[in-house]
Amino acid sequence: MLGSASFGVIVFDIAGNLATDSRTLPNDKPIGQAIVVYDPGLSGVPKDAATKIGYDLQNRGYNVVLAGVKSHATANLTGYNLIIVGGPIYMGKPAATV
């Protein structure tokens, strides 16, 4: 039973469908606009990696938006100088939401 439930969670990527949050990492004098879109996966590791990438980009001078794949921030990607997308790998393939 547990194996079937785990398989269903992985195949249907329930965690990615719940990734509706977003937040901005502002910069006083930005060199550009960046968005880091992520599917948090089951472990949350991809979200942690996206957050680290976002802070690195902020340190390099970008205004950064961290956005879950289902957030409103991903509906319109115009105006960004840099778009980064990432998420988990299941059974050798990227999550369907990515």
C-alpha atoms as a PDB file:
ATOM      1  CA  MET A   1       0.000   0.000   0.000  1.00  0.00           C
ATOM      2  CA  LEU A   2       2.767   2.437   0.952  1.00  0.00           C
ATOM      3  CA  GLY A   3       4.668   1.606  -2.232  1.00  0.00           C
ATOM      4  CA  SER A   4       1.605   2.402  -4.338  1.00  0.00           C
ATOM      5  CA  ALA A   5       1.074   5.687  -2.525  1.00  0.00           C
ATOM      6  CA  SER A   6       4.727   6.655  -2.978  1.00  0.00           C
ATOM      7  CA  PHE A   7       4.572   5.768  -6.663  1.00  0.00           C
ATOM      8  CA  GLY A   8       1.446   7.925  -7.073  1.00  0.00           C
ATOM      9  CA  VAL A   9       3.113  10.874  -5.357  1.00  0.00           C
ATOM     10  CA  ILE A  10       6.167  10.599  -7.615  1.00  0.00           C
ATOM     11  CA  VAL A  11       4.271  10.051 -10.875  1.00  0.00           C
ATOM     12  CA  PHE A  12       1.732  12.798 -10.298  1.00  0.00           C
ATOM     13  CA  ASP A  13       4.275  15.121  -8.613  1.00  0.00           C
ATOM     14  CA  ILE A  14       1.907  16.331  -5.937  1.00  0.00           C
ATOM     15  CA  ALA A  15       4.605  18.496  -4.338  1.00  0.00           C
ATOM     16  CA  GLY A  16       5.158  20.394  -7.590  1.00  0.00           C
ATOM     17  CA  ASN A  17       1.470  21.099  -7.943  1.00  0.00           C
ATOM     18  CA  LEU A  18       1.491  22.714  -4.504  1.00  0.00           C
ATOM     19  CA  ALA A  19       4.417  25.041  -5.311  1.00  0.00           C
ATOM     20  CA  THR A  20       2.357  28.222  -5.456  1.00  0.00           C
ATOM     21  CA  ASP A  21       4.521  30.573  -3.395  1.00  0.00           C
ATOM     22  CA  SER A  22       6.877  33.279  -4.593  1.00  0.00           C
ATOM     23  CA  ARG A  23       9.018  35.967  -2.990  1.00  0.00           C
ATOM     24  CA  THR A  24      11.287  38.742  -4.162  1.00  0.00           C
ATOM     25  CA  LEU A  25      14.924  39.210  -3.187  1.00  0.00           C
ATOM     26  CA  PRO A  26      15.386  42.935  -3.963  1.00  0.00           C
ATOM     27  CA  ASN A  27      18.630  44.724  -4.701  1.00  0.00           C
ATOM     28  CA  ASP A  28      19.221  48.475  -4.243  1.00  0.00           C
ATOM     29  CA  LYS A  29      20.953  49.012  -7.595  1.00  0.00           C
ATOM     30  CA  PRO A  30      20.047  46.020  -9.770  1.00  0.00           C
ATOM     31  CA  ILE A  31      21.952  45.084 -12.907  1.00  0.00           C
ATOM     32  CA  GLY A  32      18.931  43.113 -14.108  1.00  0.00           C
ATOM     33  CA  GLN A  33      15.856  41.089 -13.247  1.00  0.00           C
ATOM     34  CA  ALA A  34      16.048  37.345 -12.613  1.00  0.00           C
ATOM     35  CA  ILE A  35      13.493  34.675 -11.777  1.00  0.00           C
ATOM     36  CA  VAL A  36      14.317  31.269 -10.326  1.00  0.00           C
ATOM     37  CA  VAL A  37      11.416  28.845 -10.871  1.00  0.00           C
ATOM     38  CA  TYR A  38      11.460  25.581  -8.934  1.00  0.00           C
ATOM     39  CA  ASP A  39       9.492  22.450  -8.202  1.00  0.00           C
ATOM     40  CA  PRO A  40      10.297  21.636  -4.547  1.00  0.00           C
ATOM     41  CA  GLY A  41      10.008  17.882  -5.040  1.00  0.00           C
ATOM     42  CA  LEU A  42       9.287  15.496  -2.217  1.00  0.00           C
ATOM     43  CA  SER A  43      12.431  16.306  -0.241  1.00  0.00           C
ATOM     44  CA  GLY A  44      12.500  20.094  -0.650  1.00  0.00           C
ATOM     45  CA  VAL A  45      16.115  19.942  -1.838  1.00  0.00           C
ATOM     46  CA  PRO A  46      15.359  21.632  -5.198  1.00  0.00           C
ATOM     47  CA  LYS A  47      13.731  24.558  -3.336  1.00  0.00           C
ATOM     48  CA  ASP A  48      16.815  24.872  -1.132  1.00  0.00           C
ATOM     49  CA  ALA A  49      19.040  24.870  -4.234  1.00  0.00           C
ATOM     50  CA  ALA A  50      16.816  27.489  -5.910  1.00  0.00           C
ATOM     51  CA  THR A  51      17.046  29.678  -2.812  1.00  0.00           C
ATOM     52  CA  LYS A  52      20.857  29.444  -2.792  1.00  0.00           C
ATOM     53  CA  ILE A  53      20.977  30.302  -6.495  1.00  0.00           C
ATOM     54  CA  GLY A  54      18.626  33.230  -5.873  1.00  0.00           C
ATOM     55  CA  TYR A  55      20.793  34.675  -3.101  1.00  0.00           C
ATOM     56  CA  ASP A  56      23.899  34.215  -5.241  1.00  0.00           C
ATOM     57  CA  LEU A  57      22.245  36.139  -8.076  1.00  0.00           C
ATOM     58  CA  GLN A  58      21.185  38.833  -5.607  1.00  0.00           C
ATOM     59  CA  ASN A  59      24.793  39.131  -4.414  1.00  0.00           C
ATOM     60  CA  ARG A  60      25.836  39.541  -8.061  1.00  0.00           C
ATOM     61  CA  GLY A  61      23.449  42.482  -8.453  1.00  0.00           C
ATOM     62  CA  TYR A  62      20.121  41.100  -9.678  1.00  0.00           C
ATOM     63  CA  ASN A  63      16.635  41.654  -8.349  1.00  0.00           C
ATOM     64  CA  VAL A  64      15.478  38.064  -7.916  1.00  0.00           C
ATOM     65  CA  VAL A  65      12.061  36.446  -7.729  1.00  0.00           C
ATOM     66  CA  LEU A  66      11.966  32.921  -6.260  1.00  0.00           C
ATOM     67  CA  ALA A  67       8.823  31.241  -7.594  1.00  0.00           C
ATOM     68  CA  GLY A  68       7.204  27.839  -7.270  1.00  0.00           C
ATOM     69  CA  VAL A  69       6.225  26.335 -10.630  1.00  0.00           C
ATOM     70  CA  LYS A  70       2.524  26.944  -9.946  1.00  0.00           C
ATOM     71  CA  SER A  71       2.866  30.477  -8.552  1.00  0.00           C
ATOM     72  CA  HIS A  72       1.307  33.536 -10.157  1.00  0.00           C
ATOM     73  CA  ALA A  73       4.805  34.928 -10.771  1.00  0.00           C
ATOM     74  CA  THR A  74       5.410  32.298 -13.467  1.00  0.00           C
ATOM     75  CA  ALA A  75       2.356  33.310 -15.523  1.00  0.00           C
ATOM     76  CA  ASN A  76       4.255  36.122 -17.262  1.00  0.00           C
ATOM     77  CA  LEU A  77       8.012  35.812 -17.716  1.00  0.00           C
ATOM     78  CA  THR A  78       8.526  38.949 -19.802  1.00  0.00           C
ATOM     79  CA  GLY A  79      10.902  41.546 -18.421  1.00  0.00           C
ATOM     80  CA  TYR A  80      13.412  39.117 -16.954  1.00  0.00           C
ATOM     81  CA  ASN A  81      17.027  39.178 -18.078  1.00  0.00           C
ATOM     82  CA  LEU A  82      17.638  35.726 -16.616  1.00  0.00           C
ATOM     83  CA  ILE A  83      15.250  32.767 -16.160  1.00  0.00           C
ATOM     84  CA  ILE A  84      16.376  29.669 -14.268  1.00  0.00           C
ATOM     85  CA  VAL A  85      14.143  26.587 -13.946  1.00  0.00           C
ATOM     86  CA  GLY A  86      14.851  23.499 -11.883  1.00  0.00           C
ATOM     87  CA  GLY A  87      13.339  20.624 -10.015  1.00  0.00           C
ATOM     88  CA  PRO A  88      13.661  16.988  -9.061  1.00  0.00           C
ATOM     89  CA  ILE A  89      14.475  14.026 -11.272  1.00  0.00           C
ATOM     90  CA  TYR A  90      12.170  11.011 -10.944  1.00  0.00           C
ATOM     91  CA  MET A  91      12.977   7.709 -12.643  1.00  0.00           C
ATOM     92  CA  GLY A  92      15.621   9.430 -14.791  1.00  0.00           C
ATOM     93  CA  LYS A  93      13.318  12.224 -16.019  1.00  0.00           C
ATOM     94  CA  PRO A  94      12.572  15.760 -14.815  1.00  0.00           C
ATOM     95  CA  ALA A  95       9.343  16.206 -12.872  1.00  0.00           C
ATOM     96  CA  ALA A  96       6.370  16.808 -15.175  1.00  0.00           C
ATOM     97  CA  THR A  97       5.820  20.302 -13.749  1.00  0.00           C
ATOM     98  CA  VAL A  98       9.280  21.403 -14.883  1.00  0.00           C
END
